């Protein structure tokens, strides 16, 4: 169960990206540094922040 990444473009500073089609399974987003975001289950390890989604949810970069 769970969902894949959604279709959404983003810009954070000089970084740009776009989401892909959603699908079943687990979606994990990892980043380092001073970026701040919300959504999913958040954990920290080795200087990285991880957001894990096992169902529908919203990932928001602030």
N, C-alpha and C. Protein backbone atom coordinates (compact mmCIF):
# COMPACT_ATOMS: atom_id res chain seq x y z
N UNK A 1 0.84 -1.18 0.00
CA UNK A 1 0.00 0.00 0.00
C UNK A 1 0.87 1.23 0.00
N UNK A 2 0.27 2.38 -0.06
CA UNK A 2 1.01 3.62 -0.08
C UNK A 2 0.93 4.26 -1.45
N UNK A 3 1.53 5.39 -1.59
CA UNK A 3 1.46 6.10 -2.87
C UNK A 3 2.80 6.61 -3.31
N UNK A 4 2.96 6.79 -4.61
CA UNK A 4 4.19 7.33 -5.16
C UNK A 4 4.15 8.84 -5.20
N UNK A 5 5.12 9.43 -5.84
CA UNK A 5 5.21 10.88 -5.95
C UNK A 5 4.09 11.45 -6.79
N UNK A 6 3.67 12.65 -6.47
CA UNK A 6 2.61 13.29 -7.24
C UNK A 6 3.16 14.16 -8.34
N UNK A 7 2.29 14.71 -9.16
CA UNK A 7 2.69 15.60 -10.24
C UNK A 7 2.71 17.04 -9.74
N UNK A 8 3.89 17.57 -9.47
CA UNK A 8 3.97 18.93 -8.99
C UNK A 8 5.38 19.45 -9.23
N UNK A 9 5.50 20.66 -9.73
CA UNK A 9 6.81 21.29 -9.91
C UNK A 9 7.11 22.14 -8.69
N UNK A 10 8.40 22.36 -8.43
CA UNK A 10 8.77 23.19 -7.29
C UNK A 10 10.01 24.00 -7.60
N UNK A 11 10.19 25.07 -6.87
CA UNK A 11 11.40 25.87 -6.91
C UNK A 11 11.75 26.23 -5.49
N UNK A 12 13.01 26.02 -5.13
CA UNK A 12 13.50 26.41 -3.81
C UNK A 12 14.87 27.03 -4.02
N UNK A 13 14.94 28.35 -3.94
CA UNK A 13 16.20 29.03 -4.25
C UNK A 13 16.56 28.79 -5.71
N UNK A 14 17.75 28.25 -5.94
CA UNK A 14 18.20 27.95 -7.29
C UNK A 14 17.89 26.52 -7.71
N UNK A 15 17.13 25.81 -6.92
CA UNK A 15 16.82 24.41 -7.21
C UNK A 15 15.42 24.29 -7.80
N UNK A 16 15.32 23.54 -8.87
CA UNK A 16 14.04 23.31 -9.54
C UNK A 16 13.81 21.82 -9.67
N UNK A 17 12.58 21.39 -9.65
CA UNK A 17 12.28 19.98 -9.85
C UNK A 17 10.83 19.79 -10.22
N UNK A 18 10.52 18.58 -10.60
CA UNK A 18 9.13 18.26 -10.91
C UNK A 18 8.82 16.85 -10.44
N UNK A 19 7.59 16.64 -10.05
CA UNK A 19 7.16 15.33 -9.58
C UNK A 19 6.83 14.42 -10.75
N UNK A 20 6.70 13.15 -10.47
CA UNK A 20 6.32 12.18 -11.49
C UNK A 20 4.93 11.66 -11.21
N UNK A 21 4.53 10.70 -12.00
CA UNK A 21 3.21 10.09 -11.80
C UNK A 21 3.20 9.29 -10.52
N UNK A 22 2.07 9.28 -9.84
CA UNK A 22 1.94 8.53 -8.60
C UNK A 22 1.80 7.03 -8.87
N UNK A 23 2.05 6.24 -7.88
CA UNK A 23 1.93 4.79 -8.00
C UNK A 23 1.84 4.19 -6.62
N UNK A 24 1.69 2.88 -6.56
CA UNK A 24 1.60 2.22 -5.26
C UNK A 24 2.99 2.03 -4.67
N UNK A 25 3.05 1.88 -3.37
CA UNK A 25 4.32 1.66 -2.70
C UNK A 25 4.63 2.74 -1.69
N UNK A 26 5.91 2.90 -1.42
CA UNK A 26 6.39 3.87 -0.44
C UNK A 26 7.20 4.92 -1.18
N UNK A 27 7.06 6.18 -0.78
CA UNK A 27 7.83 7.28 -1.35
C UNK A 27 8.69 7.86 -0.25
N UNK A 28 10.02 7.93 -0.48
CA UNK A 28 10.95 8.52 0.49
C UNK A 28 11.68 9.66 -0.19
N UNK A 29 11.68 10.82 0.44
CA UNK A 29 12.38 12.00 -0.05
C UNK A 29 13.50 12.30 0.93
N UNK A 30 14.73 12.47 0.40
CA UNK A 30 15.89 12.73 1.25
C UNK A 30 16.56 14.02 0.80
N UNK A 31 17.01 14.84 1.76
CA UNK A 31 17.77 16.04 1.43
C UNK A 31 18.71 16.38 2.57
N UNK A 32 19.74 17.13 2.24
CA UNK A 32 20.72 17.58 3.23
C UNK A 32 20.68 19.10 3.32
N UNK A 33 21.30 19.63 4.33
CA UNK A 33 21.45 21.07 4.42
C UNK A 33 20.30 21.77 5.09
N UNK A 34 20.18 23.06 4.78
CA UNK A 34 19.24 23.91 5.48
C UNK A 34 17.83 23.94 4.93
N UNK A 35 17.53 23.12 3.95
CA UNK A 35 16.16 23.08 3.41
C UNK A 35 15.19 22.65 4.49
N UNK A 36 14.05 23.26 4.53
CA UNK A 36 13.00 22.90 5.49
C UNK A 36 11.76 22.49 4.72
N UNK A 37 11.16 21.39 5.13
CA UNK A 37 9.95 20.91 4.47
C UNK A 37 9.07 20.18 5.48
N UNK A 38 7.81 20.01 5.11
CA UNK A 38 6.87 19.27 5.95
C UNK A 38 6.19 18.20 5.11
N UNK A 39 5.66 17.21 5.78
CA UNK A 39 4.91 16.16 5.11
C UNK A 39 5.47 14.79 5.41
N UNK A 40 4.59 13.83 5.50
CA UNK A 40 4.99 12.45 5.76
C UNK A 40 5.54 12.26 7.15
N UNK A 41 6.19 11.14 7.34
CA UNK A 41 6.86 10.83 8.60
C UNK A 41 8.30 11.29 8.47
N UNK A 42 8.75 12.19 9.34
CA UNK A 42 10.06 12.81 9.22
C UNK A 42 11.05 12.14 10.16
N UNK A 43 12.24 11.81 9.62
CA UNK A 43 13.31 11.26 10.45
C UNK A 43 14.63 11.88 10.01
N UNK A 44 15.65 11.73 10.84
CA UNK A 44 16.95 12.35 10.61
C UNK A 44 18.04 11.30 10.81
N UNK A 45 19.02 11.28 9.89
CA UNK A 45 20.13 10.34 10.02
C UNK A 45 21.29 10.78 9.14
N UNK A 46 22.49 10.78 9.69
CA UNK A 46 23.69 11.06 8.91
C UNK A 46 23.71 12.39 8.21
N UNK A 47 23.11 13.41 8.80
CA UNK A 47 23.09 14.73 8.20
C UNK A 47 21.99 14.93 7.16
N UNK A 48 21.14 13.94 6.98
CA UNK A 48 20.04 14.02 6.03
C UNK A 48 18.70 14.04 6.75
N UNK A 49 17.72 14.66 6.10
CA UNK A 49 16.33 14.60 6.56
C UNK A 49 15.57 13.71 5.60
N UNK A 50 14.75 12.82 6.13
CA UNK A 50 13.96 11.89 5.34
C UNK A 50 12.48 12.12 5.59
N UNK A 51 11.70 12.17 4.53
CA UNK A 51 10.24 12.25 4.60
C UNK A 51 9.72 10.97 3.96
N UNK A 52 9.01 10.16 4.72
CA UNK A 52 8.49 8.89 4.23
C UNK A 52 6.97 8.94 4.14
N UNK A 53 6.45 8.60 2.97
CA UNK A 53 5.01 8.57 2.73
C UNK A 53 4.60 7.14 2.44
N UNK A 54 3.64 6.64 3.19
CA UNK A 54 3.11 5.29 2.96
C UNK A 54 1.66 5.35 2.48
N UNK A 55 1.17 6.54 2.25
CA UNK A 55 -0.18 6.78 1.75
C UNK A 55 -0.21 8.16 1.15
N UNK A 56 -1.37 8.65 0.85
CA UNK A 56 -1.51 9.99 0.28
C UNK A 56 -0.99 11.03 1.26
N UNK A 57 -0.39 12.08 0.72
CA UNK A 57 0.12 13.15 1.57
C UNK A 57 0.65 14.29 0.73
N UNK A 58 1.04 15.34 1.39
CA UNK A 58 1.55 16.53 0.72
C UNK A 58 2.94 16.84 1.22
N UNK A 59 3.88 17.07 0.30
CA UNK A 59 5.24 17.47 0.64
C UNK A 59 5.36 18.95 0.31
N UNK A 60 5.66 19.76 1.33
CA UNK A 60 5.72 21.20 1.15
C UNK A 60 7.08 21.73 1.58
N UNK A 61 7.78 22.39 0.66
CA UNK A 61 9.07 23.02 0.97
C UNK A 61 8.79 24.45 1.40
N UNK A 62 9.39 24.84 2.56
CA UNK A 62 9.14 26.20 3.06
C UNK A 62 10.41 27.01 3.07
